Amino acid sequence: MKCANGAQGVFSRICYASYRYSMVFRAAGKIEKCTVALDHPQNLIGYVDSSKGVVLNENANYQWWHSTLQEKCFCRKELLTCFNMRCKKKTLIDGLADSTCSSVSLKIY
């Protein structure tokens, strides 16, 4: 597996919103995670304030980058689906979940 630019291998399919410090800064000052769910309330993780600077809701951000994994998932072919790192929007906004998985912590920085 090549990792130089993330273009190949299993980790190339991780959604950008699954990374702790991946954020979308909107023109009006909103800070969101997912560019597919713009303006959805669960996508909002903070804002830019003229006097306070960047104000993040760490709990909201945590929901996007933290994943748990059951031990039985370690042998799955699609491990990232089990970690829910391919598209967090499916779980957080659409309410969909992988019934075979979802508790070992995984943190992507």
N, C-alpha and C. Protein backbone atom coordinates (compact mmCIF):
# COMPACT_ATOMS: atom_id res chain seq x y z
N MET A 1 0.84 -1.18 0.00
CA MET A 1 0.00 0.00 0.00
C MET A 1 0.89 1.25 0.00
N LYS A 2 0.62 2.17 -0.89
CA LYS A 2 1.33 3.45 -0.91
C LYS A 2 0.60 4.44 -0.02
N CYS A 3 1.35 5.20 0.75
CA CYS A 3 0.74 6.18 1.65
C CYS A 3 1.24 7.59 1.40
N ALA A 4 2.11 7.76 0.43
CA ALA A 4 2.73 9.06 0.20
C ALA A 4 1.70 10.16 0.00
N ASN A 5 0.71 9.92 -0.84
CA ASN A 5 -0.29 10.96 -1.08
C ASN A 5 -1.70 10.48 -0.77
N GLY A 6 -1.83 9.29 -0.19
CA GLY A 6 -3.14 8.78 0.17
C GLY A 6 -3.99 8.37 -1.01
N ALA A 7 -3.38 8.23 -2.20
CA ALA A 7 -4.16 7.96 -3.40
C ALA A 7 -4.49 6.49 -3.58
N GLN A 8 -3.82 5.61 -2.83
CA GLN A 8 -4.07 4.19 -2.99
C GLN A 8 -4.25 3.53 -1.64
N GLY A 9 -4.85 2.36 -1.64
CA GLY A 9 -4.99 1.58 -0.42
C GLY A 9 -6.24 1.94 0.36
N VAL A 10 -6.43 1.19 1.43
CA VAL A 10 -7.63 1.32 2.23
C VAL A 10 -7.78 2.71 2.85
N PHE A 11 -6.68 3.34 3.22
CA PHE A 11 -6.78 4.64 3.88
C PHE A 11 -7.07 5.79 2.91
N SER A 12 -7.01 5.53 1.62
CA SER A 12 -7.34 6.57 0.65
C SER A 12 -8.84 6.85 0.62
N ARG A 13 -9.65 5.96 1.23
CA ARG A 13 -11.09 6.11 1.20
C ARG A 13 -11.66 6.70 2.49
N ILE A 14 -10.81 7.20 3.35
CA ILE A 14 -11.30 7.84 4.57
C ILE A 14 -11.87 9.20 4.21
N CYS A 15 -13.04 9.49 4.71
CA CYS A 15 -13.66 10.78 4.45
C CYS A 15 -12.90 11.89 5.18
N TYR A 16 -12.71 13.01 4.52
CA TYR A 16 -12.01 14.15 5.13
C TYR A 16 -12.67 14.60 6.42
N ALA A 17 -13.99 14.48 6.54
CA ALA A 17 -14.71 14.90 7.74
C ALA A 17 -14.39 14.02 8.94
N SER A 18 -13.79 12.85 8.72
CA SER A 18 -13.42 11.95 9.81
C SER A 18 -12.14 12.37 10.51
N TYR A 19 -11.45 13.34 9.98
CA TYR A 19 -10.22 13.82 10.61
C TYR A 19 -10.55 14.94 11.59
N ARG A 20 -9.91 14.90 12.73
CA ARG A 20 -10.19 15.86 13.80
C ARG A 20 -10.05 17.31 13.35
N TYR A 21 -9.01 17.62 12.63
CA TYR A 21 -8.74 19.02 12.27
C TYR A 21 -9.14 19.37 10.83
N SER A 22 -9.97 18.56 10.23
CA SER A 22 -10.50 18.88 8.91
C SER A 22 -11.80 19.65 9.10
N MET A 23 -11.85 20.87 8.59
CA MET A 23 -13.01 21.74 8.80
C MET A 23 -13.29 22.57 7.55
N VAL A 24 -14.54 22.97 7.42
CA VAL A 24 -14.96 23.83 6.32
C VAL A 24 -15.29 25.19 6.92
N PHE A 25 -14.55 26.21 6.51
CA PHE A 25 -14.80 27.57 7.00
C PHE A 25 -15.67 28.28 5.96
N ARG A 26 -16.89 28.60 6.35
CA ARG A 26 -17.86 29.23 5.44
C ARG A 26 -17.69 30.75 5.45
N ALA A 27 -18.14 31.38 4.40
CA ALA A 27 -17.99 32.83 4.24
C ALA A 27 -18.66 33.62 5.36
N ALA A 28 -19.77 33.13 5.88
CA ALA A 28 -20.50 33.84 6.95
C ALA A 28 -19.92 33.56 8.34
N GLY A 29 -18.86 32.75 8.41
CA GLY A 29 -18.21 32.50 9.69
C GLY A 29 -18.52 31.16 10.32
N LYS A 30 -19.42 30.38 9.73
CA LYS A 30 -19.72 29.05 10.26
C LYS A 30 -18.53 28.12 10.00
N ILE A 31 -18.33 27.18 10.93
CA ILE A 31 -17.33 26.13 10.75
C ILE A 31 -18.09 24.81 10.74
N GLU A 32 -17.94 24.07 9.64
CA GLU A 32 -18.66 22.82 9.47
C GLU A 32 -17.67 21.71 9.13
N LYS A 33 -18.15 20.48 9.06
CA LYS A 33 -17.29 19.34 8.77
C LYS A 33 -17.48 18.80 7.36
N CYS A 34 -18.71 18.64 6.92
CA CYS A 34 -19.02 17.92 5.68
C CYS A 34 -19.52 18.89 4.60
N THR A 35 -18.91 18.82 3.43
CA THR A 35 -19.34 19.69 2.33
C THR A 35 -20.59 19.17 1.62
N VAL A 36 -21.03 17.97 1.96
CA VAL A 36 -22.24 17.41 1.37
C VAL A 36 -23.47 17.78 2.20
N ALA A 37 -23.25 18.17 3.44
CA ALA A 37 -24.36 18.48 4.35
C ALA A 37 -24.29 19.93 4.83
N LEU A 38 -23.94 20.83 3.95
CA LEU A 38 -23.82 22.24 4.32
C LEU A 38 -25.14 22.75 4.90
N ASP A 39 -25.05 23.53 5.96
CA ASP A 39 -26.17 24.15 6.65
C ASP A 39 -27.04 23.18 7.46
N HIS A 40 -26.67 21.91 7.54
CA HIS A 40 -27.40 20.99 8.42
C HIS A 40 -26.95 21.26 9.86
N PRO A 41 -27.86 21.33 10.81
CA PRO A 41 -27.50 21.66 12.20
C PRO A 41 -26.42 20.75 12.80
N GLN A 42 -26.42 19.47 12.47
CA GLN A 42 -25.43 18.55 13.03
C GLN A 42 -24.07 18.67 12.36
N ASN A 43 -24.00 19.41 11.29
CA ASN A 43 -22.75 19.65 10.59
C ASN A 43 -21.99 20.83 11.18
N LEU A 44 -22.67 21.69 11.90
CA LEU A 44 -22.07 22.89 12.49
C LEU A 44 -21.24 22.52 13.71
N ILE A 45 -19.95 22.86 13.69
CA ILE A 45 -19.09 22.56 14.84
C ILE A 45 -18.50 23.81 15.48
N GLY A 46 -18.81 24.97 14.93
CA GLY A 46 -18.29 26.20 15.51
C GLY A 46 -18.51 27.40 14.61
N TYR A 47 -17.82 28.48 14.96
CA TYR A 47 -17.95 29.71 14.18
C TYR A 47 -16.72 30.58 14.41
N VAL A 48 -16.55 31.57 13.55
CA VAL A 48 -15.47 32.54 13.69
C VAL A 48 -16.10 33.82 14.20
N ASP A 49 -15.58 34.32 15.30
CA ASP A 49 -16.09 35.53 15.94
C ASP A 49 -15.03 36.62 15.82
N SER A 50 -15.46 37.83 15.52
CA SER A 50 -14.50 38.93 15.32
C SER A 50 -13.70 39.26 16.57
N SER A 51 -14.24 39.03 17.75
CA SER A 51 -13.48 39.31 18.97
C SER A 51 -12.90 38.06 19.63
N LYS A 52 -13.58 36.92 19.51
CA LYS A 52 -13.11 35.68 20.16
C LYS A 52 -12.24 34.82 19.27
N GLY A 53 -12.29 35.06 17.97
CA GLY A 53 -11.55 34.22 17.03
C GLY A 53 -12.33 32.97 16.70
N VAL A 54 -11.64 31.85 16.55
CA VAL A 54 -12.28 30.58 16.23
C VAL A 54 -12.88 29.99 17.49
N VAL A 55 -14.18 29.71 17.45
CA VAL A 55 -14.89 29.13 18.59
C VAL A 55 -15.41 27.77 18.14
N LEU A 56 -14.85 26.70 18.73
CA LEU A 56 -15.25 25.36 18.35
C LEU A 56 -16.07 24.70 19.44
N ASN A 57 -17.08 23.96 19.02
CA ASN A 57 -17.82 23.10 19.93
C ASN A 57 -17.12 21.75 19.85
N GLU A 58 -16.25 21.48 20.83
CA GLU A 58 -15.43 20.26 20.80
C GLU A 58 -16.28 19.00 20.82
N ASN A 59 -17.43 19.04 21.50
CA ASN A 59 -18.31 17.86 21.52
C ASN A 59 -18.88 17.57 20.15
N ALA A 60 -19.27 18.60 19.43
CA ALA A 60 -19.80 18.42 18.08
C ALA A 60 -18.71 17.90 17.14
N ASN A 61 -17.52 18.44 17.24
CA ASN A 61 -16.40 17.98 16.42
C ASN A 61 -16.06 16.53 16.74
N TYR A 62 -16.08 16.17 18.02
CA TYR A 62 -15.77 14.82 18.48
C TYR A 62 -16.66 13.78 17.80
N GLN A 63 -17.92 14.12 17.61
CA GLN A 63 -18.85 13.19 16.97
C GLN A 63 -18.42 12.85 15.55
N TRP A 64 -17.73 13.76 14.91
CA TRP A 64 -17.29 13.54 13.53
C TRP A 64 -15.99 12.75 13.43
N TRP A 65 -15.07 12.92 14.36
CA TRP A 65 -13.77 12.27 14.20
C TRP A 65 -13.55 11.06 15.08
N HIS A 66 -14.34 10.84 16.09
CA HIS A 66 -14.15 9.70 16.96
C HIS A 66 -15.02 8.53 16.49
N SER A 67 -14.46 7.35 16.48
CA SER A 67 -15.19 6.15 16.10
C SER A 67 -14.91 5.04 17.10
N THR A 68 -15.87 4.13 17.23
CA THR A 68 -15.66 2.95 18.06
C THR A 68 -15.80 1.72 17.18
N LEU A 69 -15.21 0.65 17.62
CA LEU A 69 -15.19 -0.56 16.82
C LEU A 69 -15.30 -1.77 17.73
N GLN A 70 -16.20 -2.67 17.40
CA GLN A 70 -16.28 -3.92 18.13
C GLN A 70 -15.16 -4.84 17.67
N GLU A 71 -14.71 -5.69 18.56
CA GLU A 71 -13.60 -6.58 18.26
C GLU A 71 -13.89 -7.47 17.04
N LYS A 72 -15.14 -7.88 16.85
CA LYS A 72 -15.49 -8.75 15.73
C LYS A 72 -15.25 -8.09 14.38
N CYS A 73 -15.12 -6.78 14.36
CA CYS A 73 -14.93 -6.07 13.10
C CYS A 73 -13.49 -6.14 12.58
N PHE A 74 -12.55 -6.51 13.42
CA PHE A 74 -11.15 -6.53 12.99
C PHE A 74 -10.90 -7.47 11.82
N CYS A 75 -11.73 -8.47 11.64
CA CYS A 75 -11.51 -9.42 10.55
C CYS A 75 -12.33 -9.07 9.30
N ARG A 76 -13.06 -8.00 9.34
CA ARG A 76 -13.88 -7.62 8.19
C ARG A 76 -13.03 -7.09 7.06
N LYS A 77 -13.45 -7.39 5.85
CA LYS A 77 -12.73 -6.90 4.68
C LYS A 77 -12.83 -5.38 4.57
N GLU A 78 -13.99 -4.85 4.83
CA GLU A 78 -14.19 -3.41 4.74
C GLU A 78 -14.10 -2.79 6.13
N LEU A 79 -12.91 -2.79 6.68
CA LEU A 79 -12.69 -2.30 8.04
C LEU A 79 -13.12 -0.85 8.22
N LEU A 80 -12.89 -0.01 7.21
CA LEU A 80 -13.24 1.40 7.35
C LEU A 80 -14.74 1.62 7.45
N THR A 81 -15.52 0.76 6.81
CA THR A 81 -16.97 0.86 6.94
C THR A 81 -17.34 0.57 8.39
N CYS A 82 -16.68 -0.40 8.97
CA CYS A 82 -16.93 -0.77 10.36
C CYS A 82 -16.52 0.36 11.31
N PHE A 83 -15.44 1.02 11.00
CA PHE A 83 -15.00 2.17 11.80
C PHE A 83 -15.89 3.39 11.55
N ASN A 84 -16.70 3.34 10.52
CA ASN A 84 -17.52 4.47 10.07
C ASN A 84 -16.65 5.67 9.73
N MET A 85 -15.61 5.44 8.97
CA MET A 85 -14.71 6.52 8.56
C MET A 85 -14.90 6.89 7.09
N ARG A 86 -15.73 6.15 6.37
CA ARG A 86 -15.93 6.46 4.97
C ARG A 86 -16.87 7.64 4.79
N CYS A 87 -17.92 7.70 5.57
CA CYS A 87 -18.85 8.82 5.47
C CYS A 87 -19.59 8.98 6.80
N LYS A 88 -19.12 9.87 7.64
CA LYS A 88 -19.75 10.10 8.94
C LYS A 88 -21.14 10.69 8.80
N LYS A 89 -21.41 11.37 7.69
CA LYS A 89 -22.73 11.95 7.45
C LYS A 89 -23.80 10.88 7.50
N LYS A 90 -23.50 9.70 7.00
CA LYS A 90 -24.49 8.63 6.98
C LYS A 90 -24.98 8.30 8.39
N THR A 91 -24.10 8.33 9.36
CA THR A 91 -24.48 8.02 10.73
C THR A 91 -25.03 9.24 11.45
N LEU A 92 -24.31 10.34 11.40
CA LEU A 92 -24.68 11.52 12.19
C LEU A 92 -25.90 12.26 11.66
N ILE A 93 -26.04 12.36 10.37
CA ILE A 93 -27.12 13.16 9.80
C ILE A 93 -28.24 12.29 9.22
N ASP A 94 -27.86 11.25 8.47
CA ASP A 94 -28.86 10.40 7.83
C ASP A 94 -29.42 9.33 8.77
N GLY A 95 -28.73 9.08 9.89
CA GLY A 95 -29.21 8.10 10.86
C GLY A 95 -29.01 6.66 10.44
N LEU A 96 -28.14 6.40 9.50
CA LEU A 96 -27.87 5.04 9.04
C LEU A 96 -26.70 4.46 9.81
N ALA A 97 -26.73 3.17 10.06
CA ALA A 97 -25.64 2.53 10.78
C ALA A 97 -25.37 1.15 10.21
N ASP A 98 -24.15 0.70 10.36
CA ASP A 98 -23.78 -0.65 9.98
C ASP A 98 -24.18 -1.55 11.13
N SER A 99 -25.15 -2.41 10.93
CA SER A 99 -25.69 -3.24 12.01
C SER A 99 -24.72 -4.30 12.48
N THR A 100 -23.70 -4.64 11.69
CA THR A 100 -22.76 -5.66 12.11
C THR A 100 -21.65 -5.09 12.98
N CYS A 101 -21.53 -3.81 13.01
CA CYS A 101 -20.47 -3.20 13.79
C CYS A 101 -21.00 -2.03 14.60
N SER A 102 -20.47 -1.49 15.28
CA SER A 102 -20.82 -0.28 16.02
C SER A 102 -21.40 -0.59 17.32
N SER A 103 -15.90 -2.43 21.97
CA SER A 103 -15.96 -1.06 21.45
C SER A 103 -14.59 -0.52 21.73
N VAL A 104 -13.79 -0.68 20.77
CA VAL A 104 -12.41 -0.25 20.74
C VAL A 104 -12.37 1.15 20.12
N SER A 105 -11.68 2.09 20.76
CA SER A 105 -11.67 3.46 20.25
C SER A 105 -10.62 3.64 19.15
N LEU A 106 -10.95 4.48 18.20
CA LEU A 106 -10.03 4.86 17.14
C LEU A 106 -10.10 6.37 17.01
N LYS A 107 -8.94 6.99 17.02
CA LYS A 107 -8.90 8.45 16.86
C LYS A 107 -8.01 8.77 15.68
N ILE A 108 -8.54 9.53 14.74
CA ILE A 108 -7.80 9.97 13.55
C ILE A 108 -7.43 11.43 13.77
N TYR A 109 -6.16 11.74 13.71
CA TYR A 109 -5.71 13.12 13.95
C TYR A 109 -5.33 13.80 12.68
